[in-house]
Amino acid sequence: MPTFPQYLTKDQEKELRDIANSIVAPGKGILAADESTGSIGKRLASINVENTEENRRRYRELLFTADACVSENIGGVIMFHETFYQKSKDGTPFVKILQDRGILPGIKVDKGVVPLAGTDNECTTQGLDGLSERCAQYKKDGAQFAKWRCVLKI
């Protein structure tokens, strides 16, 4: 039987298991609110709203402060860097709003997709440089999980 090195302590394993179980508890899932500035700009443009940081903040505030029953169905929210550090109009950080509702805050940690040189229209994901430090800071600031996106063309 193969053996594997122990990378996590027993406490870290329990923390990881608890986080995963909380996110996917029966009837719950993840809300992806991690659109980049450009992607959310397309959504806002479709309703004739200017793509400003304040308008993006207000849009996300609507999501995070909707009726409390949303916490019955959302176990975690993935946020974009800008959103992770934003606050509601009363000054409450979005991370705290989610935590107070029993929703785990998460963070998108990749830095986007770029064309991969020397290929036929393939792309690669940026962001491995500094990833450990960014993750440590996000964890310190309240993130309980992270998302890394990698696009593959088949």
Protein backbone atom coordinates (compact mmCIF):
# COMPACT_ATOMS: atom_id res chain seq x y z
CA MET A 1 0.00 0.00 0.00
CA PRO A 2 1.42 3.44 -0.90
CA THR A 3 2.32 5.94 1.79
CA PHE A 4 2.07 9.67 1.46
CA PRO A 5 3.94 12.43 3.27
CA GLN A 6 2.01 14.28 5.97
CA TYR A 7 1.66 17.89 4.77
CA LEU A 8 -1.08 19.02 7.14
CA THR A 9 -1.31 18.69 10.88
CA LYS A 10 -4.33 16.88 12.32
CA ASP A 11 -5.78 20.28 13.31
CA GLN A 12 -5.31 21.61 9.77
CA GLU A 13 -6.95 18.50 8.34
CA LYS A 14 -9.93 19.01 10.66
CA GLU A 15 -10.15 22.70 9.73
CA LEU A 16 -10.10 21.86 6.02
CA ARG A 17 -12.73 19.13 6.47
CA ASP A 18 -14.97 21.47 8.50
CA ILE A 19 -14.70 24.21 5.87
CA ALA A 20 -15.54 21.83 3.02
CA ASN A 21 -18.48 20.34 4.95
CA SER A 22 -19.82 23.80 5.77
CA ILE A 23 -19.71 24.93 2.14
CA VAL A 24 -21.49 21.85 0.81
CA ALA A 25 -23.87 21.20 3.70
CA PRO A 26 -27.22 19.79 2.52
CA GLY A 27 -29.05 22.43 0.47
CA LYS A 28 -26.04 24.76 0.31
CA GLY A 29 -23.50 25.73 -2.30
CA ILE A 30 -21.08 28.44 -3.39
CA LEU A 31 -22.00 31.88 -4.70
CA ALA A 32 -19.37 33.00 -7.21
CA ALA A 33 -19.13 36.78 -6.77
CA ASP A 34 -15.57 36.96 -8.07
CA GLU A 35 -16.07 38.66 -11.42
CA SER A 36 -13.11 40.76 -12.45
CA THR A 37 -13.56 44.48 -12.95
CA GLY A 38 -13.95 43.91 -16.69
CA SER A 39 -16.45 41.06 -16.37
CA ILE A 40 -18.73 42.86 -13.94
CA GLY A 41 -18.42 45.93 -16.16
CA LYS A 42 -20.21 43.99 -18.91
CA ARG A 43 -23.07 43.16 -16.52
CA LEU A 44 -23.36 46.76 -15.40
CA ALA A 45 -23.21 48.07 -18.98
CA SER A 46 -26.16 45.86 -19.93
CA ILE A 47 -28.30 47.86 -17.47
CA ASN A 48 -26.69 51.22 -18.33
CA VAL A 49 -24.75 51.51 -15.05
CA GLU A 50 -21.25 52.95 -15.12
CA ASN A 51 -18.46 50.55 -14.12
CA THR A 52 -17.06 52.36 -11.07
CA GLU A 53 -15.75 50.91 -7.82
CA GLU A 54 -18.72 52.42 -5.97
CA ASN A 55 -21.26 50.85 -8.33
CA ARG A 56 -19.50 47.49 -8.08
CA ARG A 57 -19.52 47.81 -4.28
CA ARG A 58 -23.22 48.66 -4.24
CA TYR A 59 -24.04 45.70 -6.51
CA ARG A 60 -22.16 43.30 -4.25
CA GLU A 61 -23.71 44.85 -1.14
CA LEU A 62 -27.13 43.96 -2.59
CA LEU A 63 -26.00 40.35 -2.90
CA PHE A 64 -24.46 40.08 0.56
CA THR A 65 -27.21 41.91 2.47
CA ALA A 66 -30.22 40.34 0.76
CA ASP A 67 -32.83 38.63 2.94
CA ALA A 68 -31.21 36.56 5.67
CA CYS A 69 -32.73 33.40 4.21
CA VAL A 70 -29.96 33.38 1.60
CA SER A 71 -27.71 31.90 4.29
CA GLU A 72 -29.95 28.83 4.23
CA ASN A 73 -28.66 28.08 0.73
CA ILE A 74 -25.21 29.66 0.51
CA GLY A 75 -22.33 28.00 2.34
CA GLY A 76 -19.55 30.13 0.88
CA VAL A 77 -18.93 33.14 -1.35
CA ILE A 78 -15.93 33.48 -3.66
CA MET A 79 -14.84 37.12 -3.87
CA PHE A 80 -12.54 39.13 -6.13
CA HIS A 81 -9.68 40.98 -4.38
CA GLU A 82 -11.45 44.36 -4.63
CA THR A 83 -14.66 42.96 -3.14
CA PHE A 84 -12.87 41.11 -0.34
CA TYR A 85 -11.72 44.43 1.13
CA GLN A 86 -14.86 46.47 0.48
CA LYS A 87 -17.40 47.54 3.10
CA SER A 88 -21.13 48.17 3.16
CA LYS A 89 -22.46 51.71 3.24
CA ASP A 90 -22.52 51.54 7.06
CA GLY A 91 -18.81 50.61 7.13
CA THR A 92 -19.16 46.89 7.87
CA PRO A 93 -16.63 44.82 5.92
CA PHE A 94 -18.25 42.40 3.48
CA VAL A 95 -16.23 39.57 5.05
CA LYS A 96 -17.87 40.29 8.43
CA ILE A 97 -21.36 40.52 6.91
CA LEU A 98 -20.90 37.05 5.43
CA GLN A 99 -19.37 35.61 8.60
CA ASP A 100 -22.24 36.99 10.70
CA ARG A 101 -24.66 35.12 8.42
CA GLY A 102 -22.76 31.87 8.77
CA ILE A 103 -21.42 32.10 5.22
CA LEU A 104 -17.73 31.38 4.65
CA PRO A 105 -15.81 34.07 2.76
CA GLY A 106 -13.53 32.84 -0.01
CA ILE A 107 -11.14 34.50 -2.40
CA LYS A 108 -10.11 34.11 -6.06
CA VAL A 109 -6.32 33.87 -5.95
CA ASP A 110 -5.31 33.49 -9.59
CA LYS A 111 -4.40 36.65 -11.50
CA GLY A 112 -6.25 35.89 -14.70
CA VAL A 113 -5.68 34.14 -17.99
CA VAL A 114 -3.26 35.28 -20.68
CA PRO A 115 -2.31 33.86 -24.11
CA LEU A 116 0.38 31.17 -23.98
CA ALA A 117 3.19 32.05 -26.36
CA GLY A 118 4.07 29.53 -29.03
CA THR A 119 0.71 27.75 -28.96
CA ASP A 120 -2.32 27.61 -31.19
CA ASN A 121 -4.62 29.90 -29.18
CA GLU A 122 -3.97 28.27 -25.79
CA CYS A 123 -3.82 30.27 -22.59
CA THR A 124 -2.29 29.99 -19.15
CA THR A 125 -3.20 31.22 -15.71
CA GLN A 126 -1.03 33.80 -13.94
CA GLY A 127 -0.46 34.22 -10.24
CA LEU A 128 1.85 31.52 -8.89
CA ASP A 129 4.39 34.20 -8.02
CA GLY A 130 3.60 35.42 -4.51
CA LEU A 131 0.71 32.95 -4.10
CA SER A 132 1.82 31.69 -0.69
CA GLU A 133 2.11 35.20 0.72
CA ARG A 134 -1.23 36.29 -0.76
CA CYS A 135 -2.98 33.23 0.64
CA ALA A 136 -1.48 33.80 4.09
CA GLN A 137 -2.69 37.42 4.07
CA TYR A 138 -6.18 36.50 2.83
CA LYS A 139 -6.44 33.85 5.56
CA LYS A 140 -5.38 36.41 8.17
CA ASP A 141 -8.02 38.79 6.78
CA GLY A 142 -10.83 36.22 7.02
CA ALA A 143 -10.79 34.04 3.91
CA GLN A 144 -11.62 30.41 4.66
CA PHE A 145 -11.10 28.98 1.18
CA ALA A 146 -9.64 29.93 -2.17
CA LYS A 147 -10.38 29.44 -5.85
CA TRP A 148 -7.76 28.97 -8.55
CA ARG A 149 -9.02 28.96 -12.14
CA CYS A 150 -7.20 27.34 -15.01
CA VAL A 151 -8.77 27.34 -18.46
CA LEU A 152 -8.06 24.36 -20.70
CA LYS A 153 -9.13 24.17 -24.33
CA ILE A 154 -10.10 20.71 -25.49
